[in-house]
Amino acid sequence: MTALPNPLLAVAIEEGPGWARLRLTGDLDYDTSHELVARARERMTAQPDLNDLYLDCAALGLCDSMGVSALLQIHRDTAARDARLHVEAAPSFLARIMRITGIDHLFAHAEDRQSARGGGDEEATTEQRPSPTL
């Protein structure tokens, strides 16, 4: 029996040299969190030079405790390979969850990426580098 993709969470992928962005649409919960972890791990395996993994959460509708657990697992996976995990465009409910649980400090911020690049104000293009985090 083949598992079908969960219709509650869609993950679109953008990538470039040294980075990948997973755009999340839907719910990150008990039923879907394993899918996000698997997709993040697939990206890390497919891109051995990955330095930055971005999770674009702008279209996320819900995040429960298993979703938080998935974020923590992806953070552990990226940290183990010396890469940075960025949570972008977190809806207010997700920002609040991350703040209350005390995990918001685990995710890289826009200023972290600038200092890693040397602080330049270079023009970003989607094909070469990720767009700035919100």
N, C-alpha and C. Protein backbone atom coordinates (compact mmCIF):
# COMPACT_ATOMS: atom_id res chain seq x y z
N MET A 1 0.83 -1.17 0.00
CA MET A 1 0.00 0.00 0.00
C MET A 1 0.88 1.24 0.00
N THR A 2 0.60 2.19 -0.85
CA THR A 2 1.37 3.42 -0.96
C THR A 2 0.67 4.54 -0.20
N ALA A 3 1.45 5.25 0.60
CA ALA A 3 0.87 6.37 1.35
C ALA A 3 0.63 7.54 0.40
N LEU A 4 -0.53 8.12 0.50
CA LEU A 4 -0.85 9.29 -0.31
C LEU A 4 -0.41 10.55 0.39
N PRO A 5 -0.03 11.60 -0.34
CA PRO A 5 0.34 12.85 0.30
C PRO A 5 -0.83 13.37 1.12
N ASN A 6 -0.53 13.95 2.25
CA ASN A 6 -1.58 14.46 3.12
C ASN A 6 -2.13 15.76 2.53
N PRO A 7 -3.44 15.82 2.26
CA PRO A 7 -4.01 17.03 1.66
C PRO A 7 -4.05 18.20 2.63
N LEU A 8 -3.74 17.96 3.90
CA LEU A 8 -3.79 19.03 4.89
C LEU A 8 -2.53 19.88 4.92
N LEU A 9 -1.43 19.39 4.32
CA LEU A 9 -0.19 20.14 4.28
C LEU A 9 0.45 19.99 2.90
N ALA A 10 0.72 21.11 2.26
CA ALA A 10 1.45 21.10 1.00
C ALA A 10 2.80 21.75 1.25
N VAL A 11 3.84 21.18 0.67
CA VAL A 11 5.19 21.70 0.82
C VAL A 11 5.77 21.92 -0.57
N ALA A 12 5.96 23.19 -0.93
CA ALA A 12 6.59 23.54 -2.20
C ALA A 12 8.06 23.86 -1.93
N ILE A 13 8.92 23.52 -2.86
CA ILE A 13 10.35 23.67 -2.64
C ILE A 13 10.96 24.64 -3.65
N GLU A 14 11.77 25.55 -3.14
CA GLU A 14 12.64 26.41 -3.95
C GLU A 14 14.05 26.12 -3.49
N GLU A 15 15.00 26.22 -4.39
CA GLU A 15 16.38 25.98 -3.97
C GLU A 15 17.35 26.76 -4.83
N GLY A 16 18.52 26.90 -4.29
CA GLY A 16 19.62 27.56 -4.96
C GLY A 16 20.91 27.06 -4.34
N PRO A 17 22.03 27.59 -4.78
CA PRO A 17 23.32 27.13 -4.23
C PRO A 17 23.40 27.42 -2.73
N GLY A 18 23.45 26.37 -1.95
CA GLY A 18 23.62 26.51 -0.51
C GLY A 18 22.37 26.78 0.30
N TRP A 19 21.22 26.87 -0.36
CA TRP A 19 19.98 27.15 0.38
C TRP A 19 18.79 26.42 -0.24
N ALA A 20 17.77 26.25 0.58
CA ALA A 20 16.49 25.71 0.12
C ALA A 20 15.39 26.33 0.97
N ARG A 21 14.24 26.52 0.34
CA ARG A 21 13.07 27.06 1.04
C ARG A 21 11.91 26.10 0.86
N LEU A 22 11.28 25.75 1.98
CA LEU A 22 10.07 24.94 1.97
C LEU A 22 8.91 25.86 2.29
N ARG A 23 8.01 26.02 1.33
CA ARG A 23 6.82 26.86 1.53
C ARG A 23 5.68 25.96 2.02
N LEU A 24 5.23 26.23 3.24
CA LEU A 24 4.21 25.40 3.87
C LEU A 24 2.84 26.02 3.68
N THR A 25 1.90 25.20 3.26
CA THR A 25 0.52 25.63 3.11
C THR A 25 -0.37 24.60 3.78
N GLY A 26 -1.17 25.05 4.74
CA GLY A 26 -2.08 24.14 5.42
C GLY A 26 -1.78 24.03 6.90
N ASP A 27 -1.96 22.83 7.44
CA ASP A 27 -1.85 22.59 8.87
C ASP A 27 -0.62 21.76 9.20
N LEU A 28 0.12 22.20 10.21
CA LEU A 28 1.27 21.45 10.71
C LEU A 28 0.85 20.87 12.06
N ASP A 29 0.47 19.59 12.04
CA ASP A 29 -0.09 18.98 13.24
C ASP A 29 0.31 17.51 13.32
N TYR A 30 -0.37 16.79 14.19
CA TYR A 30 -0.09 15.38 14.41
C TYR A 30 -0.09 14.57 13.10
N ASP A 31 -1.02 14.86 12.23
CA ASP A 31 -1.15 14.11 10.98
C ASP A 31 -0.14 14.49 9.91
N THR A 32 0.48 15.67 10.01
CA THR A 32 1.32 16.15 8.92
C THR A 32 2.77 16.43 9.31
N SER A 33 3.07 16.48 10.59
CA SER A 33 4.41 16.89 11.03
C SER A 33 5.50 15.95 10.50
N HIS A 34 5.21 14.66 10.44
CA HIS A 34 6.20 13.70 9.92
C HIS A 34 6.54 14.00 8.45
N GLU A 35 5.56 14.47 7.70
CA GLU A 35 5.78 14.79 6.29
C GLU A 35 6.76 15.96 6.15
N LEU A 36 6.60 16.98 6.98
CA LEU A 36 7.51 18.12 6.92
C LEU A 36 8.93 17.70 7.28
N VAL A 37 9.09 16.92 8.33
CA VAL A 37 10.42 16.45 8.72
C VAL A 37 11.05 15.64 7.58
N ALA A 38 10.26 14.78 6.96
CA ALA A 38 10.77 13.97 5.85
C ALA A 38 11.20 14.84 4.67
N ARG A 39 10.40 15.85 4.34
CA ARG A 39 10.75 16.73 3.21
C ARG A 39 12.01 17.53 3.51
N ALA A 40 12.16 18.00 4.76
CA ALA A 40 13.36 18.74 5.14
C ALA A 40 14.59 17.84 5.05
N ARG A 41 14.47 16.63 5.51
CA ARG A 41 15.59 15.68 5.44
C ARG A 41 15.95 15.34 3.99
N GLU A 42 14.93 15.22 3.14
CA GLU A 42 15.19 14.96 1.72
C GLU A 42 16.00 16.10 1.11
N ARG A 43 15.66 17.34 1.45
CA ARG A 43 16.39 18.50 0.94
C ARG A 43 17.83 18.47 1.41
N MET A 44 18.04 18.16 2.69
CA MET A 44 19.40 18.14 3.23
C MET A 44 20.23 17.05 2.57
N THR A 45 19.61 15.92 2.26
CA THR A 45 20.31 14.84 1.58
C THR A 45 20.61 15.21 0.14
N ALA A 46 19.64 15.83 -0.53
CA ALA A 46 19.80 16.18 -1.94
C ALA A 46 20.79 17.33 -2.14
N GLN A 47 20.97 18.16 -1.12
CA GLN A 47 21.87 19.31 -1.22
C GLN A 47 22.94 19.22 -0.13
N PRO A 48 24.02 18.51 -0.39
CA PRO A 48 25.06 18.37 0.62
C PRO A 48 25.70 19.71 1.02
N ASP A 49 25.63 20.72 0.15
CA ASP A 49 26.21 22.03 0.44
C ASP A 49 25.23 22.98 1.12
N LEU A 50 24.11 22.46 1.61
CA LEU A 50 23.07 23.29 2.21
C LEU A 50 23.59 24.00 3.47
N ASN A 51 23.51 25.33 3.47
CA ASN A 51 23.90 26.14 4.63
C ASN A 51 22.70 26.75 5.32
N ASP A 52 21.63 27.00 4.56
CA ASP A 52 20.44 27.66 5.09
C ASP A 52 19.20 26.95 4.60
N LEU A 53 18.35 26.57 5.55
CA LEU A 53 17.06 25.98 5.23
C LEU A 53 15.99 26.92 5.75
N TYR A 54 15.12 27.36 4.84
CA TYR A 54 14.06 28.31 5.17
C TYR A 54 12.72 27.60 5.19
N LEU A 55 11.93 27.86 6.22
CA LEU A 55 10.55 27.38 6.27
C LEU A 55 9.66 28.60 6.15
N ASP A 56 9.03 28.76 5.01
CA ASP A 56 8.11 29.89 4.78
C ASP A 56 6.75 29.47 5.32
N CYS A 57 6.35 30.11 6.41
CA CYS A 57 5.12 29.72 7.12
C CYS A 57 3.96 30.67 6.87
N ALA A 58 4.07 31.55 5.89
CA ALA A 58 3.04 32.56 5.65
C ALA A 58 1.66 31.95 5.43
N ALA A 59 1.59 30.78 4.80
CA ALA A 59 0.29 30.17 4.50
C ALA A 59 -0.04 29.02 5.46
N LEU A 60 0.63 28.99 6.59
CA LEU A 60 0.34 27.97 7.60
C LEU A 60 -0.93 28.35 8.33
N GLY A 61 -1.84 27.40 8.47
CA GLY A 61 -3.12 27.68 9.10
C GLY A 61 -3.20 27.25 10.55
N LEU A 62 -2.33 26.32 10.94
CA LEU A 62 -2.40 25.77 12.29
C LEU A 62 -1.08 25.11 12.63
N CYS A 63 -0.72 25.13 13.89
CA CYS A 63 0.45 24.40 14.37
C CYS A 63 0.15 23.91 15.78
N ASP A 64 0.19 22.58 15.98
CA ASP A 64 -0.04 22.04 17.32
C ASP A 64 1.29 21.58 17.92
N SER A 65 1.23 20.86 19.02
CA SER A 65 2.46 20.44 19.70
C SER A 65 3.33 19.54 18.83
N MET A 66 2.72 18.74 17.98
CA MET A 66 3.52 17.90 17.07
C MET A 66 4.19 18.75 16.00
N GLY A 67 3.55 19.84 15.61
CA GLY A 67 4.18 20.78 14.68
C GLY A 67 5.40 21.42 15.32
N VAL A 68 5.28 21.80 16.57
CA VAL A 68 6.43 22.36 17.30
C VAL A 68 7.53 21.31 17.40
N SER A 69 7.15 20.08 17.68
CA SER A 69 8.12 18.99 17.74
C SER A 69 8.85 18.83 16.40
N ALA A 70 8.11 18.96 15.29
CA ALA A 70 8.72 18.85 13.96
C ALA A 70 9.72 19.98 13.75
N LEU A 71 9.38 21.20 14.16
CA LEU A 71 10.32 22.32 14.03
C LEU A 71 11.59 22.05 14.82
N LEU A 72 11.43 21.50 16.03
CA LEU A 72 12.60 21.19 16.86
C LEU A 72 13.44 20.08 16.24
N GLN A 73 12.80 19.07 15.64
CA GLN A 73 13.56 18.00 14.99
C GLN A 73 14.33 18.53 13.79
N ILE A 74 13.70 19.38 13.01
CA ILE A 74 14.39 19.95 11.85
C ILE A 74 15.54 20.83 12.32
N HIS A 75 15.34 21.56 13.41
CA HIS A 75 16.44 22.37 13.97
C HIS A 75 17.60 21.47 14.38
N ARG A 76 17.33 20.35 15.04
CA ARG A 76 18.40 19.42 15.43
C ARG A 76 19.12 18.88 14.19
N ASP A 77 18.36 18.55 13.16
CA ASP A 77 18.95 18.02 11.93
C ASP A 77 19.84 19.05 11.24
N THR A 78 19.38 20.29 11.16
CA THR A 78 20.20 21.32 10.50
C THR A 78 21.43 21.66 11.35
N ALA A 79 21.25 21.74 12.67
CA ALA A 79 22.39 22.05 13.55
C ALA A 79 23.45 20.96 13.47
N ALA A 80 23.03 19.71 13.33
CA ALA A 80 23.97 18.59 13.24
C ALA A 80 24.85 18.69 12.00
N ARG A 81 24.37 19.37 10.98
CA ARG A 81 25.17 19.53 9.76
C ARG A 81 25.71 20.94 9.63
N ASP A 82 25.64 21.70 10.73
CA ASP A 82 26.18 23.05 10.81
C ASP A 82 25.48 24.00 9.83
N ALA A 83 24.19 23.81 9.64
CA ALA A 83 23.38 24.69 8.79
C ALA A 83 22.42 25.47 9.68
N ARG A 84 21.87 26.55 9.14
CA ARG A 84 20.93 27.39 9.88
C ARG A 84 19.51 27.12 9.41
N LEU A 85 18.58 27.11 10.37
CA LEU A 85 17.16 26.97 10.08
C LEU A 85 16.50 28.31 10.30
N HIS A 86 15.76 28.77 9.29
CA HIS A 86 15.05 30.04 9.35
C HIS A 86 13.55 29.77 9.28
N VAL A 87 12.81 30.38 10.18
CA VAL A 87 11.35 30.34 10.09
C VAL A 87 10.93 31.71 9.60
N GLU A 88 10.37 31.75 8.40
CA GLU A 88 9.99 33.01 7.77
C GLU A 88 8.49 33.23 7.83
N ALA A 89 8.11 34.49 7.91
CA ALA A 89 6.71 34.91 7.81
C ALA A 89 5.81 34.11 8.73
N ALA A 90 6.25 33.92 9.96
CA ALA A 90 5.44 33.16 10.92
C ALA A 90 4.15 33.91 11.21
N PRO A 91 3.00 33.27 11.02
CA PRO A 91 1.74 33.91 11.40
C PRO A 91 1.78 34.21 12.91
N SER A 92 0.94 35.12 13.34
CA SER A 92 0.98 35.55 14.75
C SER A 92 0.81 34.38 15.71
N PHE A 93 -0.04 33.39 15.38
CA PHE A 93 -0.22 32.26 16.28
C PHE A 93 1.05 31.45 16.42
N LEU A 94 1.82 31.31 15.32
CA LEU A 94 3.06 30.54 15.37
C LEU A 94 4.14 31.32 16.12
N ALA A 95 4.23 32.61 15.86
CA ALA A 95 5.20 33.45 16.58
C ALA A 95 4.93 33.39 18.08
N ARG A 96 3.66 33.41 18.45
CA ARG A 96 3.28 33.35 19.87
C ARG A 96 3.66 31.98 20.47
N ILE A 97 3.37 30.91 19.75
CA ILE A 97 3.72 29.57 20.23
C ILE A 97 5.24 29.47 20.43
N MET A 98 6.00 29.96 19.46
CA MET A 98 7.46 29.88 19.55
C MET A 98 7.97 30.73 20.72
N ARG A 99 7.35 31.88 20.94
CA ARG A 99 7.76 32.75 22.04
C ARG A 99 7.41 32.11 23.39
N ILE A 100 6.19 31.61 23.54
CA ILE A 100 5.74 31.02 24.80
C ILE A 100 6.54 29.76 25.15
N THR A 101 6.84 28.95 24.16
CA THR A 101 7.59 27.72 24.42
C THR A 101 9.09 27.97 24.54
N GLY A 102 9.52 29.18 24.21
CA GLY A 102 10.92 29.54 24.36
C GLY A 102 11.83 29.01 23.27
N ILE A 103 11.26 28.71 22.11
CA ILE A 103 12.09 28.17 21.02
C ILE A 103 12.40 29.19 19.94
N ASP A 104 11.85 30.39 20.04
CA ASP A 104 12.04 31.37 18.97
C ASP A 104 13.51 31.72 18.76
N HIS A 105 14.32 31.63 19.80
CA HIS A 105 15.74 31.96 19.67
C HIS A 105 16.53 30.92 18.87
N LEU A 106 15.94 29.77 18.61
CA LEU A 106 16.64 28.71 17.88
C LEU A 106 16.72 28.96 16.38
N PHE A 107 15.89 29.85 15.88
CA PHE A 107 15.80 30.05 14.44
C PHE A 107 16.53 31.31 14.03
N ALA A 108 17.31 31.20 12.95
CA ALA A 108 18.09 32.32 12.46
C ALA A 108 17.18 33.45 12.01
N HIS A 109 17.67 34.66 12.15
CA HIS A 109 16.92 35.84 11.75
C HIS A 109 17.63 36.52 10.60
N ALA A 110 16.98 37.48 9.97
CA ALA A 110 17.52 38.16 8.79
C ALA A 110 18.90 38.74 9.08
N GLU A 111 19.10 39.34 10.25
CA GLU A 111 20.39 39.94 10.55
C GLU A 111 21.48 38.88 10.70
N ASP A 112 21.13 37.65 11.12
CA ASP A 112 22.10 36.57 11.20
C ASP A 112 22.61 36.22 9.81
N ARG A 113 21.70 36.16 8.84
CA ARG A 113 22.08 35.82 7.47
C ARG A 113 22.94 36.90 6.86
N GLN A 114 22.64 38.17 7.15
CA GLN A 114 23.44 39.27 6.62
C GLN A 114 24.86 39.21 7.16
N SER A 115 25.02 38.97 8.46
CA SER A 115 26.36 38.92 9.02
C SER A 115 27.14 37.72 8.51
N ALA A 116 26.46 36.61 8.24
CA ALA A 116 27.12 35.43 7.68
C ALA A 116 27.62 35.71 6.27
N ARG A 117 26.93 36.59 5.54
CA ARG A 117 27.31 36.94 4.18
C ARG A 117 28.29 38.11 4.14
N GLY A 118 28.59 38.69 5.29
CA GLY A 118 29.48 39.84 5.30
C GLY A 118 28.74 41.14 5.42
N GLY A 119 27.44 41.12 5.67
CA GLY A 119 26.66 42.32 5.92
C GLY A 119 26.34 43.14 4.69
N GLY A 120 26.58 42.62 3.51
CA GLY A 120 26.31 43.38 2.30
C GLY A 120 24.84 43.55 2.01
N ASP A 121 24.51 44.59 1.27
CA ASP A 121 23.12 44.83 0.87
C ASP A 121 22.95 44.44 -0.60
N GLU A 122 23.35 43.22 -0.92
CA GLU A 122 23.27 42.76 -2.30
C GLU A 122 21.83 42.53 -2.70
N GLU A 123 21.52 42.72 -3.96
CA GLU A 123 20.18 42.48 -4.46
C GLU A 123 19.95 40.97 -4.56
N ALA A 124 18.87 40.50 -3.96
CA ALA A 124 18.57 39.06 -3.97
C ALA A 124 17.67 38.71 -5.14
N THR A 125 17.92 37.57 -5.73
CA THR A 125 17.03 37.03 -6.75
C THR A 125 16.64 35.64 -6.31
N THR A 126 15.44 35.23 -6.63
CA THR A 126 14.93 33.95 -6.17
C THR A 126 15.76 32.79 -6.71
N GLU A 127 16.34 32.95 -7.89
CA GLU A 127 17.08 31.85 -8.48
C GLU A 127 18.47 31.70 -7.87
N GLN A 128 19.05 32.78 -7.34
CA GLN A 128 20.39 32.70 -6.81
C GLN A 128 20.44 32.67 -5.30
N ARG A 129 19.64 33.49 -4.64
CA ARG A 129 19.65 33.56 -3.19
C ARG A 129 18.23 33.72 -2.70
N PRO A 130 17.98 33.34 -1.45
CA PRO A 130 16.64 33.49 -0.91
C PRO A 130 16.27 34.94 -0.70
N SER A 131 14.98 35.21 -0.74
CA SER A 131 14.51 36.56 -0.47
C SER A 131 14.65 36.84 1.01
N PRO A 132 14.68 38.11 1.42
CA PRO A 132 14.85 38.44 2.84
C PRO A 132 13.73 37.87 3.68
N THR A 133 14.07 37.51 4.93
CA THR A 133 13.07 37.02 5.84
C THR A 133 12.26 38.19 6.39
N LEU A 134 11.05 37.89 6.79
CA LEU A 134 10.18 38.93 7.35
C LEU A 134 10.31 39.00 8.83
